[in-house]
Amino acid sequence: MRTYRELFRTPQFGPLFAVGAAQVAASTMSGLALATLVYAATASPLLAAVSMFGSSLAQVIGAALLMSAADRLPPRAATTGLSLVFALATAVLAVPGLPLPAAFAIILVQGVVAAVGGGVRYGLLNEVLPKDGYLLGRSVLNMSTGLTQIGGFACGGLLVAAVSARGALLVAAALYLVGAAVARFGLARRPPRATGRPTPAETWRINAVLWSSGPRRRTYLALWVPNGLVVGCESLFVPYAPAHAGLLFACAALGMLVGDTVAGRFVSGRSWRGRLATPLQLLLAVPYLLFAVRPALPVASALAALASVGFAASLLYQERLMELTPDEFTGQALGLHSSGMLTLQGVAAALAGSLAQWTSPASAMTAVAVASLAVTLALSAAGRRAAGATGSLPRPSARGAAGAG
């Protein structure tokens, strides 16, 4: 599958695409609005960053305890129910006078629920599309995320300025309700991909199987750590440019859109895609090194857009992950990727916010970008050593790789 026409002619892809777009728009608007509220109330870069990305940090709880539900719940019912939970939580965040601890408790619940939602959604994508269509399908979803984030940050910034941050939160809650309606009436009923009860013990068992393979471990780390650290840079856009953070976020989303379009549609050849993964992750971090000189808004916007092109590396690593994962574990494997990535984003946001408290937003961005570069280079070197050590051995199949240690 190589064309967008083929992709959108695939049954069920259209509704899944629409649900994802509604959820991304809602989370974008609500994140910006909440960070604006918290920063206005506290003047704390750390609390503003955690309020925007704290739900990502909480995803580790869902990944550790609930992720087996991703393959054991009916996809349509799970997607609908999760959207309704997010709508309710976002509406509560808009209540005037809500204490800050209560707001962060709601953010925690959203993160735990979102961990399962990522596994359900991406597992369903892998089920709806043929094997050769996953990369294109995921790239289109990522492109949609970029476009929707551009619109979401722009509209969110306008709503915050013209109405209020709480008004933007209520609009976000309404968008979650739209996503729930599309899921309920647009997606077909499907049985769960796996049988059995979704328990913490089962979640731990399958996570242990997924983590037991050296190639999968390196792939997961490449999906989680460099990208997450760069999101830590982005989490400081509000304190870096309080009046123009929406523009910086929109430019970053535009860069991600460009990268995903090129990687998903125009980069063909498995070996070529493999060679591009590391350079793209290096591109993620290098532009943020220039924030050390505190560039003006136009230059900062261009640097954010250029850096975000590198997020396309995630597509290439996801394709590698699917090659190494048995079919019955795809929902949990992709959910573990999604929740781990978002958890690291939350950790990086907290780390960057803490550094900014003691130094400045620009200095913290530079330091976190250096850490991202170091991790990318270390993982690339480890992959080359492993390839050199096993280069003469035949490559295991995805099913056979499940127990490789």
Protein backbone atom coordinates (compact mmCIF):
# COMPACT_ATOMS: atom_id res chain seq x y z
CA MET A 1 0.00 0.00 0.00
CA ARG A 2 1.74 3.18 -1.22
CA THR A 3 -0.99 5.74 -2.00
CA TYR A 4 -3.30 7.84 0.15
CA ARG A 5 -6.24 6.84 -2.03
CA GLU A 6 -5.72 3.18 -1.22
CA LEU A 7 -5.37 4.05 2.44
CA PHE A 8 -8.62 5.99 2.76
CA ARG A 9 -10.49 3.38 0.75
CA THR A 10 -9.64 0.84 3.44
CA PRO A 11 -12.77 0.19 5.52
CA GLN A 12 -12.70 1.67 9.03
CA PHE A 13 -9.61 3.80 8.49
CA GLY A 14 -11.67 6.96 7.95
CA PRO A 15 -13.53 6.86 11.29
CA LEU A 16 -10.34 5.91 13.14
CA PHE A 17 -8.61 8.88 11.51
CA ALA A 18 -11.46 11.23 12.52
CA VAL A 19 -11.47 10.02 16.14
CA GLY A 20 -7.73 10.61 16.41
CA ALA A 21 -8.01 14.11 14.93
CA ALA A 22 -10.75 15.10 17.38
CA GLN A 23 -8.77 13.81 20.35
CA VAL A 24 -5.55 15.53 19.28
CA ALA A 25 -7.34 18.84 18.74
CA ALA A 26 -8.94 18.57 22.17
CA SER A 27 -5.72 17.65 23.98
CA THR A 28 -3.79 20.42 22.20
CA MET A 29 -6.25 23.13 23.12
CA SER A 30 -6.71 21.91 26.68
CA GLY A 31 -2.96 21.57 27.29
CA LEU A 32 -2.22 25.12 26.14
CA ALA A 33 -5.17 26.53 28.11
CA LEU A 34 -4.25 24.68 31.29
CA ALA A 35 -0.57 25.67 31.08
CA THR A 36 -1.64 29.29 30.60
CA LEU A 37 -3.89 29.14 33.67
CA VAL A 38 -1.21 27.54 35.84
CA TYR A 39 1.55 29.90 34.74
CA ALA A 40 -0.68 32.94 35.32
CA ALA A 41 -1.52 31.70 38.82
CA THR A 42 1.96 30.57 39.90
CA ALA A 43 4.57 32.18 37.57
CA SER A 44 6.35 28.81 37.75
CA PRO A 45 7.91 27.33 34.58
CA LEU A 46 8.03 23.93 36.29
CA LEU A 47 4.32 23.84 37.17
CA ALA A 48 3.35 25.18 33.74
CA ALA A 49 5.38 22.46 32.01
CA VAL A 50 4.04 19.71 34.29
CA SER A 51 0.45 20.90 33.84
CA MET A 52 0.83 20.60 30.07
CA PHE A 53 2.75 17.33 29.96
CA GLY A 54 2.05 15.81 33.37
CA SER A 55 -0.57 13.42 32.00
CA SER A 56 2.20 11.98 29.83
CA LEU A 57 4.26 11.31 32.96
CA ALA A 58 1.34 9.39 34.51
CA GLN A 59 1.19 7.01 31.54
CA VAL A 60 3.81 4.81 33.19
CA ILE A 61 1.14 3.73 35.68
CA GLY A 62 -1.20 2.62 32.92
CA ALA A 63 1.63 0.89 31.09
CA ALA A 64 2.64 -1.03 34.20
CA LEU A 65 -0.81 -2.05 35.44
CA LEU A 66 -3.49 -1.78 32.75
CA MET A 67 -1.87 -2.19 29.33
CA SER A 68 -3.05 -5.80 28.83
CA ALA A 69 -6.54 -4.27 28.41
CA ALA A 70 -5.43 -2.86 25.04
CA ASP A 71 -5.78 -6.31 23.42
CA ARG A 72 -8.57 -7.59 25.69
CA LEU A 73 -11.26 -4.89 25.34
CA PRO A 74 -13.63 -4.46 22.36
CA PRO A 75 -11.96 -1.61 20.42
CA ARG A 76 -15.11 0.38 19.63
CA ALA A 77 -16.47 0.34 23.18
CA ALA A 78 -13.05 1.16 24.65
CA THR A 79 -12.43 4.07 22.26
CA THR A 80 -15.87 5.55 22.91
CA GLY A 81 -15.64 5.19 26.68
CA LEU A 82 -12.17 6.70 26.89
CA SER A 83 -13.25 9.77 24.89
CA LEU A 84 -16.16 10.29 27.29
CA VAL A 85 -13.81 10.09 30.29
CA PHE A 86 -11.56 12.75 28.76
CA ALA A 87 -14.52 15.00 28.00
CA LEU A 88 -15.68 14.87 31.61
CA ALA A 89 -12.18 15.42 33.03
CA THR A 90 -11.52 18.41 30.76
CA ALA A 91 -14.85 19.99 31.68
CA VAL A 92 -13.99 19.66 35.38
CA LEU A 93 -10.62 21.38 34.79
CA ALA A 94 -12.57 24.41 33.54
CA VAL A 95 -14.40 24.85 36.87
CA PRO A 96 -13.45 28.27 38.37
CA GLY A 97 -11.55 28.07 41.62
CA LEU A 98 -10.50 24.45 41.17
CA PRO A 99 -7.58 23.89 43.58
CA LEU A 100 -4.24 23.19 41.97
CA PRO A 101 -3.81 19.77 43.69
CA ALA A 102 -7.22 18.71 42.33
CA ALA A 103 -6.24 19.80 38.83
CA PHE A 104 -3.04 17.75 38.98
CA ALA A 105 -4.99 14.75 40.31
CA ILE A 106 -7.25 14.95 37.24
CA ILE A 107 -4.19 15.20 35.01
CA LEU A 108 -2.87 12.02 36.66
CA VAL A 109 -6.11 10.14 35.91
CA GLN A 110 -6.06 11.35 32.30
CA GLY A 111 -2.55 10.00 31.85
CA VAL A 112 -3.41 6.56 33.25
CA VAL A 113 -6.46 6.29 31.00
CA ALA A 114 -4.58 7.58 27.95
CA ALA A 115 -2.01 4.79 28.23
CA VAL A 116 -4.68 2.18 27.50
CA GLY A 117 -6.23 4.39 24.82
CA GLY A 118 -2.99 4.51 22.84
CA GLY A 119 -2.72 0.72 22.83
CA VAL A 120 -6.35 0.30 21.76
CA ARG A 121 -6.09 2.86 18.96
CA TYR A 122 -2.79 1.76 17.44
CA GLY A 123 -3.60 -1.92 17.84
CA LEU A 124 -6.81 -1.29 15.91
CA LEU A 125 -4.84 0.53 13.23
CA ASN A 126 -2.56 -2.48 12.82
CA GLU A 127 -5.66 -4.69 12.61
CA VAL A 128 -7.54 -2.53 10.09
CA LEU A 129 -4.63 -2.10 7.66
CA PRO A 130 -2.66 -4.76 5.79
CA LYS A 131 0.88 -5.37 6.99
CA ASP A 132 2.42 -3.26 4.23
CA GLY A 133 0.09 -0.37 5.03
CA TYR A 134 1.01 0.29 8.66
CA LEU A 135 3.85 2.75 7.97
CA LEU A 136 1.75 4.81 5.56
CA GLY A 137 -1.27 4.70 7.86
CA ARG A 138 0.70 5.75 10.91
CA SER A 139 2.41 8.51 8.94
CA VAL A 140 -1.00 9.85 7.89
CA LEU A 141 -2.14 9.81 11.52
CA ASN A 142 1.03 11.66 12.48
CA MET A 143 0.48 14.14 9.65
CA SER A 144 -3.03 14.65 10.92
CA THR A 145 -1.59 15.20 14.39
CA GLY A 146 0.73 17.88 13.01
CA LEU A 147 -2.05 19.67 11.12
CA THR A 148 -4.46 19.36 14.01
CA GLN A 149 -1.88 20.64 16.47
CA ILE A 150 -1.22 23.64 14.23
CA GLY A 151 -4.93 24.42 14.18
CA GLY A 152 -5.40 23.46 17.82
CA PHE A 153 -2.61 25.68 19.11
CA ALA A 154 -3.70 28.54 16.85
CA CYS A 155 -7.36 28.25 17.85
CA GLY A 156 -6.44 27.61 21.46
CA GLY A 157 -4.27 30.72 21.54
CA LEU A 158 -7.06 32.79 19.99
CA LEU A 159 -9.63 31.41 22.43
CA VAL A 160 -7.37 32.08 25.41
CA ALA A 161 -6.82 35.66 24.24
CA ALA A 162 -10.35 36.43 23.04
CA VAL A 163 -12.46 34.48 25.54
CA SER A 164 -10.53 32.84 28.38
CA ALA A 165 -8.45 29.79 29.15
CA ARG A 166 -11.47 28.18 30.79
CA GLY A 167 -13.52 28.78 27.65
CA ALA A 168 -10.83 26.98 25.63
CA LEU A 169 -11.06 24.03 28.05
CA LEU A 170 -14.82 23.78 27.49
CA VAL A 171 -14.35 23.77 23.71
CA ALA A 172 -11.80 20.98 24.15
CA ALA A 173 -14.30 18.97 26.19
CA ALA A 174 -16.84 19.35 23.37
CA LEU A 175 -14.27 18.03 20.88
CA TYR A 176 -13.76 14.94 23.02
CA LEU A 177 -17.53 14.36 22.85
CA VAL A 178 -17.35 14.60 19.05
CA GLY A 179 -14.64 11.93 19.08
CA ALA A 180 -16.80 9.68 21.24
CA ALA A 181 -19.75 10.02 18.83
CA VAL A 182 -17.59 9.22 15.79
CA ALA A 183 -16.16 6.14 17.52
CA ARG A 184 -19.58 4.86 18.58
CA PHE A 185 -21.33 5.31 15.24
CA GLY A 186 -18.41 5.12 12.79
CA LEU A 187 -16.34 2.16 13.96
CA ALA A 188 -17.52 -1.40 13.44
CA ARG A 189 -17.86 -3.77 16.36
CA ARG A 190 -14.82 -6.03 16.62
CA PRO A 191 -13.94 -8.71 19.16
CA PRO A 192 -10.87 -8.24 21.38
CA ARG A 193 -7.58 -9.39 19.83
CA ALA A 194 -6.76 -11.60 22.81
CA THR A 195 -8.74 -13.56 25.37
CA GLY A 196 -8.54 -13.48 29.14
CA ARG A 197 -8.94 -10.84 31.79
CA PRO A 198 -6.85 -7.66 31.63
CA THR A 199 -4.99 -7.89 34.93
CA PRO A 200 -1.82 -6.25 36.23
CA ALA A 201 -0.15 -9.68 36.33
CA GLU A 202 -0.91 -10.28 32.65
CA THR A 203 0.31 -6.79 31.81
CA TRP A 204 3.61 -7.48 33.56
CA ARG A 205 3.98 -10.89 31.90
CA ILE A 206 3.62 -9.56 28.35
CA ASN A 207 5.74 -6.49 29.08
CA ALA A 208 8.48 -8.86 30.26
CA VAL A 209 8.22 -10.84 27.02
CA LEU A 210 8.39 -7.65 24.95
CA TRP A 211 11.40 -6.38 26.93
CA SER A 212 13.25 -9.71 26.78
CA SER A 213 14.59 -9.13 23.26
CA GLY A 214 17.72 -7.00 22.87
CA PRO A 215 16.69 -5.51 19.49
CA ARG A 216 13.27 -4.61 20.86
CA ARG A 217 14.81 -3.00 23.96
CA ARG A 218 16.99 -0.76 21.84
CA THR A 219 14.05 0.08 19.60
CA TYR A 220 11.91 1.05 22.57
CA LEU A 221 14.67 3.22 24.03
CA ALA A 222 15.14 4.93 20.66
CA LEU A 223 11.39 5.57 20.51
CA TRP A 224 11.24 6.93 24.05
CA VAL A 225 14.29 8.83 25.19
CA PRO A 226 15.65 11.19 22.47
CA ASN A 227 12.16 12.28 21.42
CA GLY A 228 11.01 12.70 25.00
CA LEU A 229 13.96 14.96 25.84
CA VAL A 230 13.20 17.20 22.86
CA VAL A 231 9.60 17.49 24.03
CA GLY A 232 11.14 18.73 27.27
CA CYS A 233 12.52 21.62 25.20
CA GLU A 234 9.05 22.28 23.79
CA SER A 235 7.51 22.25 27.26
CA LEU A 236 9.35 25.53 27.95
CA PHE A 237 7.77 27.46 25.09
CA VAL A 238 5.28 29.12 27.46
CA PRO A 239 7.91 30.59 29.83
CA TYR A 240 10.28 31.30 26.89
CA ALA A 241 7.69 33.40 25.05
CA PRO A 242 4.52 33.71 27.15
CA ALA A 243 2.64 35.84 24.63
CA HIS A 244 3.67 33.78 21.58
CA ALA A 245 3.88 30.18 22.81
CA GLY A 246 1.05 29.17 20.49
CA LEU A 247 3.13 30.27 17.48
CA LEU A 248 6.13 28.22 18.63
CA PHE A 249 3.97 25.14 19.17
CA ALA A 250 2.32 25.60 15.76
CA CYS A 251 5.70 25.87 14.01
CA ALA A 252 6.90 22.72 15.78
CA ALA A 253 3.76 20.91 14.63
CA LEU A 254 4.36 22.12 11.06
CA GLY A 255 7.87 20.67 11.10
CA MET A 256 6.54 17.34 12.35
CA LEU A 257 3.98 17.34 9.54
CA VAL A 258 6.70 17.86 6.93
CA GLY A 259 8.89 15.08 8.35
CA ASP A 260 6.07 12.55 8.59
CA THR A 261 4.89 13.33 5.05
CA VAL A 262 8.34 12.75 3.58
CA ALA A 263 9.11 9.62 5.63
CA GLY A 264 5.72 7.97 5.20
CA ARG A 265 5.06 8.69 1.55
CA PHE A 266 8.33 9.32 -0.27
CA VAL A 267 11.07 7.36 1.53
CA SER A 268 10.98 3.86 0.04
CA GLY A 269 13.30 0.94 0.60
CA ARG A 270 13.73 -0.74 3.97
CA SER A 271 17.51 -0.31 4.14
CA TRP A 272 17.25 3.38 3.22
CA ARG A 273 14.67 3.96 5.93
CA GLY A 274 16.92 2.20 8.44
CA ARG A 275 19.83 4.49 7.61
CA LEU A 276 17.71 7.61 8.07
CA ALA A 277 16.55 6.90 11.61
CA THR A 278 19.64 8.13 13.48
CA PRO A 279 20.22 11.30 11.38
CA LEU A 280 16.60 12.28 11.91
CA GLN A 281 16.93 11.89 15.69
CA LEU A 282 20.08 14.02 15.64
CA LEU A 283 18.13 16.67 13.75
CA LEU A 284 15.58 16.68 16.58
CA ALA A 285 18.08 18.09 19.05
CA VAL A 286 20.65 20.12 17.11
CA PRO A 287 18.48 23.23 16.43
CA TYR A 288 17.70 23.59 20.14
CA LEU A 289 21.42 24.04 20.86
CA LEU A 290 21.06 27.49 19.29
CA PHE A 291 18.57 28.51 21.96
CA ALA A 292 21.66 29.09 24.13
CA VAL A 293 21.94 32.53 22.46
CA ARG A 294 18.23 33.28 23.13
CA PRO A 295 17.13 33.78 19.51
CA ALA A 296 14.34 36.21 18.67
CA LEU A 297 10.86 34.86 18.02
CA PRO A 298 11.15 34.49 14.20
CA VAL A 299 14.42 32.55 14.48
CA ALA A 300 13.13 30.48 17.41
CA SER A 301 10.03 29.56 15.41
CA ALA A 302 12.13 28.45 12.43
CA LEU A 303 14.41 26.39 14.68
CA ALA A 304 11.43 24.68 16.33
CA ALA A 305 10.00 23.78 12.92
CA LEU A 306 13.33 22.41 11.66
CA ALA A 307 13.90 20.31 14.77
CA SER A 308 10.45 18.74 14.62
CA VAL A 309 11.13 17.31 11.17
CA GLY A 310 13.24 14.79 13.07
CA PHE A 311 10.18 13.32 14.80
CA ALA A 312 9.75 11.27 11.60
CA ALA A 313 12.36 8.90 13.05
CA SER A 314 9.58 7.54 15.25
CA LEU A 315 7.80 6.14 12.19
CA LEU A 316 10.89 4.22 11.12
CA TYR A 317 11.43 2.77 14.59
CA GLN A 318 7.76 1.79 14.85
CA GLU A 319 8.06 -0.17 11.61
CA ARG A 320 11.06 -1.96 13.10
CA LEU A 321 9.12 -2.69 16.29
CA MET A 322 6.26 -4.30 14.34
CA GLU A 323 8.74 -6.54 12.52
CA LEU A 324 9.99 -7.79 15.89
CA THR A 325 6.59 -8.31 17.58
CA PRO A 326 4.13 -11.25 17.36
CA ASP A 327 0.67 -10.38 16.05
CA GLU A 328 -1.16 -11.20 19.28
CA PHE A 329 0.95 -8.66 21.19
CA THR A 330 0.69 -5.73 18.76
CA GLY A 331 -1.81 -3.71 20.80
CA GLN A 332 0.23 -3.94 23.98
CA ALA A 333 3.52 -3.47 22.13
CA LEU A 334 2.30 -0.27 20.47
CA GLY A 335 0.63 0.84 23.70
CA LEU A 336 3.90 0.30 25.57
CA HIS A 337 5.67 2.37 22.93
CA SER A 338 3.07 5.16 23.17
CA SER A 339 2.85 5.24 26.95
CA GLY A 340 6.62 4.94 27.42
CA MET A 341 7.21 7.75 24.95
CA LEU A 342 4.67 10.00 26.64
CA THR A 343 5.99 9.10 30.09
CA LEU A 344 9.48 10.15 29.05
CA GLN A 345 7.99 13.35 27.66
CA GLY A 346 6.51 14.05 31.08
CA VAL A 347 9.80 13.25 32.81
CA ALA A 348 11.66 15.49 30.39
CA ALA A 349 9.13 18.30 30.88
CA ALA A 350 9.63 18.09 34.65
CA LEU A 351 13.42 17.97 34.21
CA ALA A 352 13.45 20.91 31.81
CA GLY A 353 11.10 22.91 34.04
CA SER A 354 13.33 22.25 37.06
CA LEU A 355 16.42 23.40 35.16
CA ALA A 356 14.58 26.50 33.99
CA GLN A 357 13.68 27.32 37.60
CA TRP A 358 17.38 27.52 38.47
CA THR A 359 18.76 28.92 35.20
CA SER A 360 16.51 30.16 32.38
CA PRO A 361 14.18 28.56 29.78
CA ALA A 362 16.77 29.04 27.02
CA SER A 363 19.61 27.47 29.05
CA ALA A 364 17.41 24.53 30.06
CA MET A 365 16.43 23.89 26.43
CA THR A 366 20.09 23.76 25.44
CA ALA A 367 21.01 21.36 28.24
CA VAL A 368 18.16 18.97 27.46
CA ALA A 369 19.03 19.03 23.75
CA VAL A 370 22.62 18.02 24.59
CA ALA A 371 21.26 15.07 26.59
CA SER A 372 19.10 14.00 23.62
CA LEU A 373 22.11 14.06 21.29
CA ALA A 374 24.16 11.97 23.73
CA VAL A 375 21.46 9.29 24.04
CA THR A 376 20.96 9.07 20.27
CA LEU A 377 24.68 8.58 19.67
CA ALA A 378 24.94 5.99 22.44
CA LEU A 379 22.02 3.93 21.09
CA SER A 380 23.40 4.12 17.56
CA ALA A 381 26.78 2.83 18.76
CA ALA A 382 25.12 0.01 20.73
CA GLY A 383 23.12 -1.02 17.66
CA ARG A 384 26.26 -1.13 15.51
CA ARG A 385 28.07 -3.27 18.08
CA ALA A 386 25.15 -5.70 18.27
CA ALA A 387 24.91 -5.89 14.47
CA GLY A 388 28.63 -6.60 14.24
CA ALA A 389 28.38 -9.35 16.85
CA THR A 390 25.42 -11.12 15.18
CA GLY A 391 25.90 -10.12 11.56
CA SER A 392 26.53 -13.69 10.43
CA LEU A 393 23.34 -15.04 12.02
CA PRO A 394 19.99 -15.21 10.20
CA ARG A 395 17.44 -12.62 11.27
CA PRO A 396 14.71 -14.08 13.54
CA SER A 397 11.10 -13.87 12.53
CA ALA A 398 8.75 -11.60 14.50
CA ARG A 399 7.18 -14.59 16.24
CA GLY A 400 10.51 -16.19 16.98
CA ALA A 401 11.86 -12.93 18.34
CA ALA A 402 9.26 -12.89 21.11
CA GLY A 403 11.38 -14.99 23.42
CA ALA A 404 14.81 -13.89 22.29
CA GLY A 405 16.85 -12.58 25.17
